[in-house]
Amino acid sequence: MQVGSGELGRRWTAKATGIAFAVTYLWASACGADGMTSLVRGAIAAGSTLVFCFVLLRPVASVVLDAFARDEAKRREQEAKESDA
């Protein structure tokens, strides 16, 4: 299940990083910050989100996918028992 969780983690990381940059950049610009200051603040937010997601989201994605697989196996087993009876 490692390949699927790695792909899911990369997708979540990319989305979260983009959202963090966009929100920070737009918020700083709306508050009257200079363009370069907004860009630097957005880059800092994106970088910190990227590090955070690499540390946290990949293990979470692995746990979620394992739970889905376990529940699916239980459901199929119950359906097989019901169809045999």
N, C-alpha and C. Protein backbone atom coordinates (compact mmCIF):
# COMPACT_ATOMS: atom_id res chain seq x y z
N MET A 1 0.83 -1.20 0.00
CA MET A 1 0.00 0.00 0.00
C MET A 1 0.87 1.26 0.00
N GLN A 2 2.16 1.11 0.02
CA GLN A 2 3.07 2.24 0.11
C GLN A 2 3.01 3.12 -1.14
N VAL A 3 2.86 2.54 -2.32
CA VAL A 3 2.84 3.32 -3.55
C VAL A 3 1.62 4.23 -3.57
N GLY A 4 0.47 3.72 -3.22
CA GLY A 4 -0.75 4.52 -3.22
C GLY A 4 -0.71 5.63 -2.20
N SER A 5 -0.20 5.35 -1.01
CA SER A 5 -0.14 6.38 0.02
C SER A 5 0.89 7.44 -0.34
N GLY A 6 1.96 7.05 -1.02
CA GLY A 6 2.95 8.04 -1.45
C GLY A 6 2.37 8.99 -2.48
N GLU A 7 1.62 8.44 -3.42
CA GLU A 7 0.98 9.27 -4.45
C GLU A 7 -0.06 10.18 -3.84
N LEU A 8 -0.87 9.65 -2.95
CA LEU A 8 -1.89 10.46 -2.28
C LEU A 8 -1.24 11.55 -1.44
N GLY A 9 -0.17 11.21 -0.74
CA GLY A 9 0.55 12.20 0.05
C GLY A 9 1.13 13.31 -0.81
N ARG A 10 1.68 12.96 -1.97
CA ARG A 10 2.21 13.98 -2.87
C ARG A 10 1.11 14.90 -3.38
N ARG A 11 -0.03 14.33 -3.70
CA ARG A 11 -1.14 15.17 -4.18
C ARG A 11 -1.63 16.12 -3.10
N TRP A 12 -1.84 15.60 -1.89
CA TRP A 12 -2.29 16.45 -0.79
C TRP A 12 -1.26 17.52 -0.49
N THR A 13 0.02 17.15 -0.53
CA THR A 13 1.09 18.11 -0.26
C THR A 13 1.09 19.22 -1.30
N ALA A 14 0.95 18.86 -2.56
CA ALA A 14 0.95 19.87 -3.62
C ALA A 14 -0.24 20.82 -3.47
N LYS A 15 -1.41 20.27 -3.20
CA LYS A 15 -2.60 21.12 -3.04
C LYS A 15 -2.48 22.03 -1.83
N ALA A 16 -2.04 21.50 -0.71
CA ALA A 16 -1.92 22.30 0.50
C ALA A 16 -0.86 23.39 0.34
N THR A 17 0.25 23.07 -0.33
CA THR A 17 1.30 24.06 -0.55
C THR A 17 0.80 25.19 -1.44
N GLY A 18 0.10 24.85 -2.50
CA GLY A 18 -0.44 25.88 -3.39
C GLY A 18 -1.46 26.77 -2.70
N ILE A 19 -2.33 26.16 -1.91
CA ILE A 19 -3.34 26.94 -1.19
C ILE A 19 -2.68 27.85 -0.16
N ALA A 20 -1.67 27.34 0.56
CA ALA A 20 -0.98 28.16 1.56
C ALA A 20 -0.30 29.37 0.91
N PHE A 21 0.35 29.14 -0.24
CA PHE A 21 0.99 30.26 -0.92
C PHE A 21 -0.04 31.28 -1.39
N ALA A 22 -1.10 30.80 -2.03
CA ALA A 22 -2.09 31.71 -2.59
C ALA A 22 -2.78 32.54 -1.51
N VAL A 23 -3.19 31.89 -0.44
CA VAL A 23 -3.89 32.61 0.63
C VAL A 23 -2.97 33.63 1.27
N THR A 24 -1.74 33.24 1.57
CA THR A 24 -0.80 34.16 2.21
C THR A 24 -0.46 35.33 1.30
N TYR A 25 -0.21 35.05 0.04
CA TYR A 25 0.14 36.11 -0.91
C TYR A 25 -1.03 37.09 -1.07
N LEU A 26 -2.23 36.56 -1.26
CA LEU A 26 -3.38 37.44 -1.45
C LEU A 26 -3.71 38.22 -0.19
N TRP A 27 -3.58 37.58 0.96
CA TRP A 27 -3.86 38.28 2.22
C TRP A 27 -2.85 39.40 2.45
N ALA A 28 -1.58 39.13 2.22
CA ALA A 28 -0.56 40.16 2.40
C ALA A 28 -0.76 41.30 1.41
N SER A 29 -1.10 40.99 0.19
CA SER A 29 -1.35 42.03 -0.82
C SER A 29 -2.58 42.86 -0.46
N ALA A 30 -3.62 42.19 0.04
CA ALA A 30 -4.84 42.91 0.42
C ALA A 30 -4.61 43.82 1.62
N CYS A 31 -3.68 43.46 2.47
CA CYS A 31 -3.38 44.27 3.65
C CYS A 31 -2.42 45.42 3.33
N GLY A 32 -1.98 45.53 2.09
CA GLY A 32 -1.16 46.66 1.68
C GLY A 32 0.33 46.40 1.69
N ALA A 33 0.75 45.17 1.77
CA ALA A 33 2.18 44.87 1.75
C ALA A 33 2.71 45.04 0.32
N ASP A 34 3.99 45.33 0.24
CA ASP A 34 4.65 45.46 -1.07
C ASP A 34 4.60 44.11 -1.80
N GLY A 35 4.70 44.13 -3.11
CA GLY A 35 4.63 42.91 -3.91
C GLY A 35 5.71 41.91 -3.55
N MET A 36 6.93 42.38 -3.35
CA MET A 36 8.03 41.47 -3.00
C MET A 36 7.83 40.90 -1.59
N THR A 37 7.35 41.71 -0.68
CA THR A 37 7.08 41.23 0.67
C THR A 37 6.00 40.16 0.65
N SER A 38 4.96 40.39 -0.15
CA SER A 38 3.89 39.39 -0.27
C SER A 38 4.43 38.09 -0.85
N LEU A 39 5.31 38.23 -1.84
CA LEU A 39 5.90 37.05 -2.47
C LEU A 39 6.76 36.26 -1.49
N VAL A 40 7.56 36.96 -0.70
CA VAL A 40 8.42 36.29 0.29
C VAL A 40 7.57 35.62 1.36
N ARG A 41 6.56 36.32 1.83
CA ARG A 41 5.68 35.72 2.85
C ARG A 41 4.96 34.49 2.30
N GLY A 42 4.52 34.57 1.06
CA GLY A 42 3.87 33.41 0.44
C GLY A 42 4.83 32.24 0.29
N ALA A 43 6.08 32.54 -0.08
CA ALA A 43 7.09 31.48 -0.22
C ALA A 43 7.41 30.84 1.13
N ILE A 44 7.48 31.64 2.17
CA ILE A 44 7.74 31.09 3.51
C ILE A 44 6.57 30.20 3.95
N ALA A 45 5.35 30.66 3.71
CA ALA A 45 4.18 29.84 4.07
C ALA A 45 4.15 28.54 3.26
N ALA A 46 4.47 28.63 1.96
CA ALA A 46 4.49 27.43 1.13
C ALA A 46 5.58 26.46 1.57
N GLY A 47 6.75 26.98 1.89
CA GLY A 47 7.85 26.12 2.34
C GLY A 47 7.55 25.43 3.65
N SER A 48 6.99 26.18 4.59
CA SER A 48 6.66 25.56 5.87
C SER A 48 5.54 24.54 5.73
N THR A 49 4.57 24.82 4.86
CA THR A 49 3.50 23.85 4.61
C THR A 49 4.05 22.59 3.94
N LEU A 50 4.98 22.77 3.03
CA LEU A 50 5.59 21.63 2.35
C LEU A 50 6.30 20.70 3.35
N VAL A 51 7.08 21.29 4.24
CA VAL A 51 7.78 20.49 5.25
C VAL A 51 6.78 19.80 6.18
N PHE A 52 5.79 20.55 6.62
CA PHE A 52 4.77 19.99 7.51
C PHE A 52 4.04 18.82 6.84
N CYS A 53 3.70 18.98 5.57
CA CYS A 53 2.97 17.93 4.86
C CYS A 53 3.83 16.68 4.66
N PHE A 54 5.11 16.86 4.37
CA PHE A 54 5.98 15.70 4.22
C PHE A 54 6.08 14.91 5.52
N VAL A 55 6.08 15.63 6.64
CA VAL A 55 6.20 14.96 7.94
C VAL A 55 4.89 14.31 8.35
N LEU A 56 3.76 14.97 8.12
CA LEU A 56 2.50 14.51 8.67
C LEU A 56 1.58 13.82 7.67
N LEU A 57 1.44 14.35 6.47
CA LEU A 57 0.42 13.84 5.57
C LEU A 57 0.72 12.46 4.99
N ARG A 58 1.95 12.14 4.76
CA ARG A 58 2.25 10.82 4.20
C ARG A 58 1.87 9.69 5.16
N PRO A 59 2.24 9.79 6.45
CA PRO A 59 1.78 8.73 7.36
C PRO A 59 0.25 8.70 7.51
N VAL A 60 -0.38 9.87 7.49
CA VAL A 60 -1.84 9.92 7.60
C VAL A 60 -2.48 9.27 6.38
N ALA A 61 -1.95 9.55 5.20
CA ALA A 61 -2.48 8.93 3.98
C ALA A 61 -2.33 7.42 4.03
N SER A 62 -1.22 6.95 4.55
CA SER A 62 -0.99 5.52 4.66
C SER A 62 -2.01 4.87 5.60
N VAL A 63 -2.27 5.51 6.73
CA VAL A 63 -3.23 4.99 7.69
C VAL A 63 -4.64 4.98 7.10
N VAL A 64 -5.01 6.05 6.41
CA VAL A 64 -6.34 6.14 5.81
C VAL A 64 -6.54 5.05 4.76
N LEU A 65 -5.56 4.88 3.88
CA LEU A 65 -5.69 3.86 2.84
C LEU A 65 -5.70 2.45 3.41
N ASP A 66 -4.91 2.20 4.45
CA ASP A 66 -4.94 0.89 5.10
C ASP A 66 -6.31 0.62 5.74
N ALA A 67 -6.90 1.64 6.35
CA ALA A 67 -8.22 1.47 6.96
C ALA A 67 -9.27 1.21 5.88
N PHE A 68 -9.18 1.91 4.75
CA PHE A 68 -10.11 1.65 3.65
C PHE A 68 -9.97 0.22 3.14
N ALA A 69 -8.76 -0.24 2.97
CA ALA A 69 -8.52 -1.60 2.48
C ALA A 69 -9.04 -2.64 3.47
N ARG A 70 -8.82 -2.41 4.76
CA ARG A 70 -9.29 -3.33 5.78
C ARG A 70 -10.83 -3.39 5.80
N ASP A 71 -11.48 -2.23 5.73
CA ASP A 71 -12.94 -2.20 5.71
C ASP A 71 -13.50 -2.85 4.46
N GLU A 72 -12.85 -2.63 3.34
CA GLU A 72 -13.30 -3.25 2.09
C GLU A 72 -13.18 -4.77 2.15
N ALA A 73 -12.10 -5.26 2.75
CA ALA A 73 -11.93 -6.72 2.89
C ALA A 73 -13.01 -7.31 3.80
N LYS A 74 -13.33 -6.62 4.88
CA LYS A 74 -14.39 -7.10 5.78
C LYS A 74 -15.74 -7.11 5.06
N ARG A 75 -16.01 -6.06 4.29
CA ARG A 75 -17.28 -5.98 3.59
C ARG A 75 -17.40 -7.09 2.56
N ARG A 76 -16.34 -7.36 1.82
CA ARG A 76 -16.37 -8.44 0.83
C ARG A 76 -16.53 -9.81 1.50
N GLU A 77 -15.90 -9.97 2.65
CA GLU A 77 -16.03 -11.24 3.37
C GLU A 77 -17.47 -11.45 3.84
N GLN A 78 -18.10 -10.40 4.33
CA GLN A 78 -19.49 -10.52 4.77
C GLN A 78 -20.42 -10.78 3.59
N GLU A 79 -20.15 -10.13 2.47
CA GLU A 79 -20.98 -10.38 1.27
C GLU A 79 -20.82 -11.81 0.79
N ALA A 80 -19.61 -12.34 0.87
CA ALA A 80 -19.38 -13.74 0.47
C ALA A 80 -20.12 -14.70 1.39
N LYS A 81 -20.12 -14.43 2.70
CA LYS A 81 -20.85 -15.28 3.64
C LYS A 81 -22.36 -15.23 3.39
N GLU A 82 -22.86 -14.04 3.09
CA GLU A 82 -24.29 -13.89 2.85
C GLU A 82 -24.72 -14.57 1.55
N SER A 83 -23.86 -14.52 0.55
CA SER A 83 -24.21 -15.14 -0.73
C SER A 83 -24.13 -16.67 -0.65
N ASP A 84 -23.27 -17.21 0.24
CA ASP A 84 -23.15 -18.66 0.43
C ASP A 84 -24.34 -19.20 1.22
N ALA A 85 -24.89 -18.40 2.09
CA ALA A 85 -25.99 -18.88 2.95
C ALA A 85 -27.31 -18.90 2.27
